[in-house]
Protein backbone atom coordinates (compact mmCIF):
# COMPACT_ATOMS: atom_id res chain seq x y z
CA UNK A 1 56.10 108.21 58.02
CA UNK A 2 55.97 106.98 54.56
CA UNK A 3 53.42 109.27 52.77
CA UNK A 4 51.82 106.30 50.37
CA UNK A 5 52.00 102.19 50.01
CA UNK A 6 50.76 99.85 47.90
CA UNK A 7 46.82 98.04 48.89
CA UNK A 8 45.77 94.97 47.59
CA UNK A 9 42.21 93.65 47.77
CA UNK A 10 41.91 90.02 46.67
CA UNK A 11 38.51 89.28 45.19
CA UNK A 12 38.63 85.54 46.26
CA UNK A 13 36.04 82.61 44.54
CA UNK A 14 34.78 81.05 47.62
CA UNK A 15 34.08 77.86 47.15
CA UNK A 16 31.98 74.98 49.90
CA UNK A 17 35.71 73.39 50.44
CA UNK A 18 37.33 75.26 53.78
CA UNK A 19 40.82 73.74 52.87
CA UNK A 20 41.06 74.68 49.23
CA UNK A 21 39.68 78.40 49.97
CA UNK A 22 42.45 78.67 52.54
CA UNK A 23 45.21 77.73 50.60
CA UNK A 24 43.97 79.96 47.73
CA UNK A 25 43.54 82.57 49.92
CA UNK A 26 47.01 82.60 51.16
CA UNK A 27 48.34 82.12 47.57
CA UNK A 28 46.81 85.36 46.47
CA UNK A 29 47.93 87.10 49.42
CA UNK A 30 51.64 85.55 48.61
CA UNK A 31 51.20 87.19 44.92
CA UNK A 32 49.71 90.28 46.10
CA UNK A 33 52.89 90.66 48.37
CA UNK A 34 55.30 89.88 45.94
CA UNK A 35 53.70 92.88 43.97
CA UNK A 36 54.43 95.32 46.56
CA UNK A 37 51.49 95.52 48.57
CA UNK A 38 51.78 96.34 52.17
CA UNK A 39 48.74 96.05 53.15
CA UNK A 40 46.28 92.93 52.07
CA UNK A 41 42.49 92.83 52.28
CA UNK A 42 40.60 89.56 51.80
CA UNK A 43 36.61 89.65 51.42
CA UNK A 44 33.91 88.92 53.75
CA UNK A 45 33.13 85.08 54.24
CA UNK A 46 36.22 84.36 52.35
CA UNK A 47 36.76 80.51 54.09
CA UNK A 48 32.75 79.56 53.64
CA UNK A 49 29.64 79.86 51.53
CA UNK A 50 27.53 83.11 52.69
CA UNK A 51 24.55 81.73 54.00
CA UNK A 52 22.68 81.43 57.46
CA UNK A 53 22.51 77.39 56.86
CA UNK A 54 26.28 77.51 56.25
CA UNK A 55 27.36 79.97 59.64
CA UNK A 56 27.30 76.95 62.30
CA UNK A 57 29.01 74.45 59.97
CA UNK A 58 31.88 76.34 59.14
CA UNK A 59 32.46 78.14 62.08
CA UNK A 60 35.54 78.46 64.20
CA UNK A 61 37.27 79.02 67.53
CA UNK A 62 39.85 82.51 66.82
CA UNK A 63 42.53 81.45 67.20
CA UNK A 64 41.72 78.53 65.26
CA UNK A 65 42.62 76.82 61.78
CA UNK A 66 41.86 79.86 59.54
CA UNK A 67 43.53 82.37 61.79
CA UNK A 68 46.33 80.60 62.24
CA UNK A 69 46.86 80.51 58.55
CA UNK A 70 46.52 84.11 58.25
CA UNK A 71 49.06 85.06 61.12
CA UNK A 72 51.24 82.62 59.16
CA UNK A 73 51.01 84.17 55.51
CA UNK A 74 51.16 87.77 57.40
CA UNK A 75 54.44 86.88 58.99
CA UNK A 76 55.95 84.92 56.39
CA UNK A 77 55.20 88.32 53.62
CA UNK A 78 55.91 90.65 56.44
CA UNK A 79 52.39 92.62 55.51
CA UNK A 80 49.48 93.79 57.52
CA UNK A 81 46.67 91.36 56.59
CA UNK A 82 42.75 92.10 56.99
CA UNK A 83 41.77 88.91 57.23
CA UNK A 84 38.12 89.67 55.39
CA UNK A 85 35.55 87.76 57.76
CA UNK A 86 34.90 84.29 58.68
CA UNK A 87 32.31 82.63 60.84
CA UNK A 88 33.13 82.60 64.37
CA UNK A 89 31.84 80.58 67.44
CA UNK A 90 32.31 81.95 70.93
CA UNK A 91 30.52 80.68 73.87
CA UNK A 92 27.72 78.88 72.34
CA UNK A 93 27.21 82.19 70.01
CA UNK A 94 28.41 82.99 66.29
CA UNK A 95 29.66 86.34 64.73
CA UNK A 96 31.25 87.67 61.34
CA UNK A 97 34.26 88.21 62.22
CA UNK A 98 37.28 90.24 60.97
CA UNK A 99 40.62 89.51 61.77
CA UNK A 100 43.88 91.58 61.27
CA UNK A 101 47.57 90.56 61.78
CA UNK A 102 50.74 91.97 61.41
CA UNK A 103 54.09 91.68 59.88
CA UNK A 104 55.15 89.36 62.80
CA UNK A 105 51.97 87.46 62.71
CA UNK A 106 50.73 88.98 66.31
CA UNK A 107 46.74 89.79 66.01
CA UNK A 108 45.95 93.57 65.61
CA UNK A 109 42.73 93.57 65.68
CA UNK A 110 39.40 91.70 65.79
CA UNK A 111 36.09 93.04 64.70
CA UNK A 112 32.53 91.40 64.68
CA UNK A 113 30.16 92.92 62.65
CA UNK A 114 28.01 95.49 64.67
CA UNK A 115 25.36 95.52 62.12
CA UNK A 116 23.55 92.50 61.26
CA UNK A 117 22.18 92.50 57.58
CA UNK A 118 18.12 91.82 57.85
CA UNK A 119 16.77 92.84 55.20
CA UNK A 120 13.17 92.26 53.14
CA UNK A 121 13.06 93.48 49.42
CA UNK A 122 9.96 91.87 48.14
CA UNK A 123 10.24 89.64 45.13
CA UNK A 124 13.83 90.38 45.12
CA UNK A 125 15.56 89.83 48.60
CA UNK A 126 15.42 88.58 51.73
CA UNK A 127 18.10 87.99 54.62
CA UNK A 128 18.41 87.73 58.07
CA UNK A 129 21.62 87.45 59.70
CA UNK A 130 20.45 87.26 62.69
CA UNK A 131 18.40 83.83 62.39
CA UNK A 132 22.12 82.55 63.53
CA UNK A 133 24.74 85.59 63.86
CA UNK A 134 25.08 87.77 67.15
CA UNK A 135 26.22 91.12 66.82
CA UNK A 136 29.49 92.76 67.91
CA UNK A 137 29.82 95.82 70.46
CA UNK A 138 32.96 97.62 69.25
CA UNK A 139 34.62 99.57 67.05
CA UNK A 140 38.03 98.03 65.55
CA UNK A 141 41.11 99.85 64.39
CA UNK A 142 44.82 99.09 64.30
CA UNK A 143 47.76 101.44 63.46
CA UNK A 144 50.43 100.62 60.26
CA UNK A 145 53.38 102.85 60.13
CA UNK A 146 50.95 104.75 56.83
CA UNK A 147 48.14 105.72 59.05
CA UNK A 148 45.42 104.08 61.37
CA UNK A 149 42.79 101.92 59.69
CA UNK A 150 38.92 101.56 60.78
CA UNK A 151 37.09 97.99 60.08
CA UNK A 152 33.74 97.50 59.49
CA UNK A 153 31.90 94.51 57.85
CA UNK A 154 29.49 94.82 54.80
CA UNK A 155 25.91 96.03 56.07
CA UNK A 156 28.29 98.10 58.68
CA UNK A 157 29.23 100.93 55.53
CA UNK A 158 25.41 101.65 55.49
CA UNK A 159 25.69 103.22 58.84
CA UNK A 160 27.61 106.60 58.33
CA UNK A 161 27.45 107.09 61.94
CA UNK A 162 30.41 104.47 62.51
CA UNK A 163 32.43 106.13 59.83
CA UNK A 164 32.28 109.42 61.49
CA UNK A 165 33.79 107.71 64.77
CA UNK A 166 36.50 106.32 62.81
CA UNK A 167 37.29 109.76 60.85
CA UNK A 168 37.54 111.28 64.25
CA UNK A 169 39.61 108.80 66.11
CA UNK A 170 42.24 109.57 62.92
CA UNK A 171 42.03 106.73 60.57
CA UNK A 172 42.67 107.94 56.74
CA UNK A 173 41.58 104.29 55.37
CA UNK A 174 38.71 102.40 55.76
CA UNK A 175 38.44 98.71 54.64
CA UNK A 176 35.16 96.91 54.70
CA UNK A 177 35.02 93.31 53.86
CA UNK A 178 31.45 93.24 52.00
CA UNK A 179 29.25 90.72 50.18
CA UNK A 180 26.50 92.97 48.49
CA UNK A 181 24.14 91.18 45.75
CA UNK A 182 22.72 91.38 42.54
CA UNK A 183 19.75 93.63 44.30
CA UNK A 184 21.97 95.75 46.54
CA UNK A 185 25.08 96.17 44.36
CA UNK A 186 24.55 97.59 41.66
CA UNK A 187 22.15 100.30 43.16
CA UNK A 188 24.06 100.85 46.69
CA UNK A 189 27.97 99.54 46.77
CA UNK A 190 29.76 102.10 45.15
CA UNK A 191 27.67 104.98 46.14
CA UNK A 192 27.87 104.24 49.87
CA UNK A 193 31.94 103.94 49.51
CA UNK A 194 31.76 107.49 47.62
CA UNK A 195 29.86 108.93 50.36
CA UNK A 196 32.05 107.38 53.21
CA UNK A 197 35.11 108.87 51.35
CA UNK A 198 33.59 112.18 50.89
CA UNK A 199 31.90 112.82 54.05
CA UNK A 200 34.83 112.09 56.03
CA UNK A 201 37.80 112.97 53.49
CA UNK A 202 39.16 109.08 53.90
CA UNK A 203 40.38 106.39 51.71
CA UNK A 204 37.51 103.54 51.15
CA UNK A 205 38.08 100.22 50.09
CA UNK A 206 35.52 97.26 49.43
CA UNK A 207 36.57 93.70 49.25
CA UNK A 208 33.65 91.47 47.75
CA UNK A 209 33.89 87.64 46.94
CA UNK A 210 33.80 86.91 43.40
CA UNK A 211 30.63 86.29 41.92
CA UNK A 212 29.41 82.36 41.66
CA UNK A 213 26.42 82.47 39.81
CA UNK A 214 25.54 79.01 41.08
CA UNK A 215 25.87 79.94 44.55
CA UNK A 216 23.02 80.07 46.89
CA UNK A 217 24.14 83.83 47.90
CA UNK A 218 25.34 85.49 44.52
CA UNK A 219 27.98 88.11 45.65
CA UNK A 220 28.00 91.35 43.58
CA UNK A 221 31.58 91.50 43.32
CA UNK A 222 33.55 94.56 41.82
CA UNK A 223 35.96 95.35 45.13
CA UNK A 224 36.46 98.67 45.29
CA UNK A 225 38.64 101.47 46.41
CA UNK A 226 37.67 105.10 46.58
CA UNK A 227 39.91 108.21 47.41
CA UNK A 228 38.54 111.20 49.62
CA UNK A 229 38.00 113.03 46.80
CA UNK A 230 35.05 110.45 46.09
CA UNK A 231 36.70 109.23 42.84
CA UNK A 232 37.20 105.28 42.45
CA UNK A 233 40.37 104.62 41.86
CA UNK A 234 40.30 100.55 41.74
CA UNK A 235 37.77 98.81 40.93
CA UNK A 236 37.41 94.78 40.22
CA UNK A 237 34.83 93.25 37.79
CA UNK A 238 32.67 90.37 38.78
CA UNK A 239 35.52 87.58 38.90
CA UNK A 240 38.19 86.47 40.56
CA UNK A 241 40.87 89.09 40.79
CA UNK A 242 43.44 90.81 42.86
CA UNK A 243 42.96 94.54 42.53
CA UNK A 244 46.03 96.99 43.28
CA UNK A 245 46.14 100.68 44.30
CA UNK A 246 48.68 103.45 45.52
CA UNK A 247 47.13 104.81 48.95
CA UNK A 248 48.62 108.46 48.41
CA UNK A 249 48.11 110.31 52.25
CA UNK A 250 50.07 113.38 50.92
CA UNK A 251 46.50 113.89 48.51
CA UNK A 252 44.64 113.12 51.47
CA UNK A 253 46.05 116.01 53.37
CA UNK A 254 45.30 118.02 50.53
CA UNK A 255 42.23 117.32 49.59
CA UNK A 256 41.26 118.14 53.78
CA UNK A 257 43.34 121.14 53.32
CA UNK A 258 41.83 122.19 50.22
CA UNK A 259 38.03 121.92 51.71
CA UNK A 260 38.58 121.75 55.78
CA UNK A 261 35.28 120.31 56.25
CA UNK A 262 36.99 118.31 59.66
CA UNK A 263 37.68 121.71 61.36
CA UNK A 264 34.64 123.68 60.41
CA UNK A 265 31.94 121.14 61.45
CA UNK A 266 29.43 123.17 64.38
CA UNK A 267 30.30 121.07 67.44
CA UNK A 268 27.91 123.74 69.37
CA UNK A 269 24.79 122.35 67.07
CA UNK A 270 25.80 118.64 66.59
CA UNK A 271 27.91 115.51 67.30
CA UNK A 272 28.29 112.18 67.09
CA UNK A 273 29.80 109.97 70.16
CA UNK A 274 31.54 106.77 70.74
CA UNK A 275 29.18 105.36 73.61
CA UNK A 276 32.04 102.11 74.36
C-alpha cells in the first residue's frame, strides 16, 4: 500500500449558472489530476448558490446531470473524486449531498449532511437549513489504495463524535466540503479542523467555495488541510484556487506510535458508538 498520495482541494467560484459551475469544476479537476493529484475534492454546494431559497430550484436526482459529469471526469482522469455537495431531491425531500466517484467512474459513497445548519447569532448570522432540507441518517466512508476516508459536510465538523466514529472505523483522512461564513469562519473554521485532527490523529481537509462578496451567503473560503499533529499544512486564501498537499501516512503512523492515545482510551469508563 502506498504511504503517501497527493490531495487537491478545489476552491471553486460558484455562480448562479449550473452548467458553468459544472464545466469549470470539471476543468479544475482535470488540472489537479495533471498535477499528480490522486484524490480531488470539490466544495459544498459547488453547482449552485448556497441558500435555502436556491436548494429546490437547483436540486437534482442522484444519479443526475451533475453526478454524471463527476463520474465521467473521475473516470477520464482515473482519480478518486469527492464531489463537494449538491442539493439532492429524493421522494419529495431535499438533501445536501456529497457523492464520491472512483477511477472507474463508479459511485463509491453518498453522504447526506447529517447535522443541518440551523444557527442564530443575533445581529450577525441567522440561517436555517431545516426550512428546506432533510437530514441524512448515516455515516459515509470509502476505501482507496492509500487509506480509508470519512465524509462530513460543513456543520458536521462541529460534532466530534462523528469524527471519532470515523477514526474507530479506520479512517485516516476526513474530508469536509463546507461553506463557513464571515462570522463563524474566522472564529472556528481552522480551530475545528485542528481539533478533529489532533483528537483522532487523522488528516482533516475542508473544501470551501471561493468568497463572493456579492452572494446572498458569503463563504469564508480558506480551504485547508491539517495533519495529525494539528499543523496546517495547506491553506487557500479567499479567491478561486486549487491547493495541493501530499498526505503522508508514514507520518500519521509515527504520530500514533509516539502518542498512542488510540490504544490508551479507557473503554471501561466511556465510549462512543455508532447506532446505525
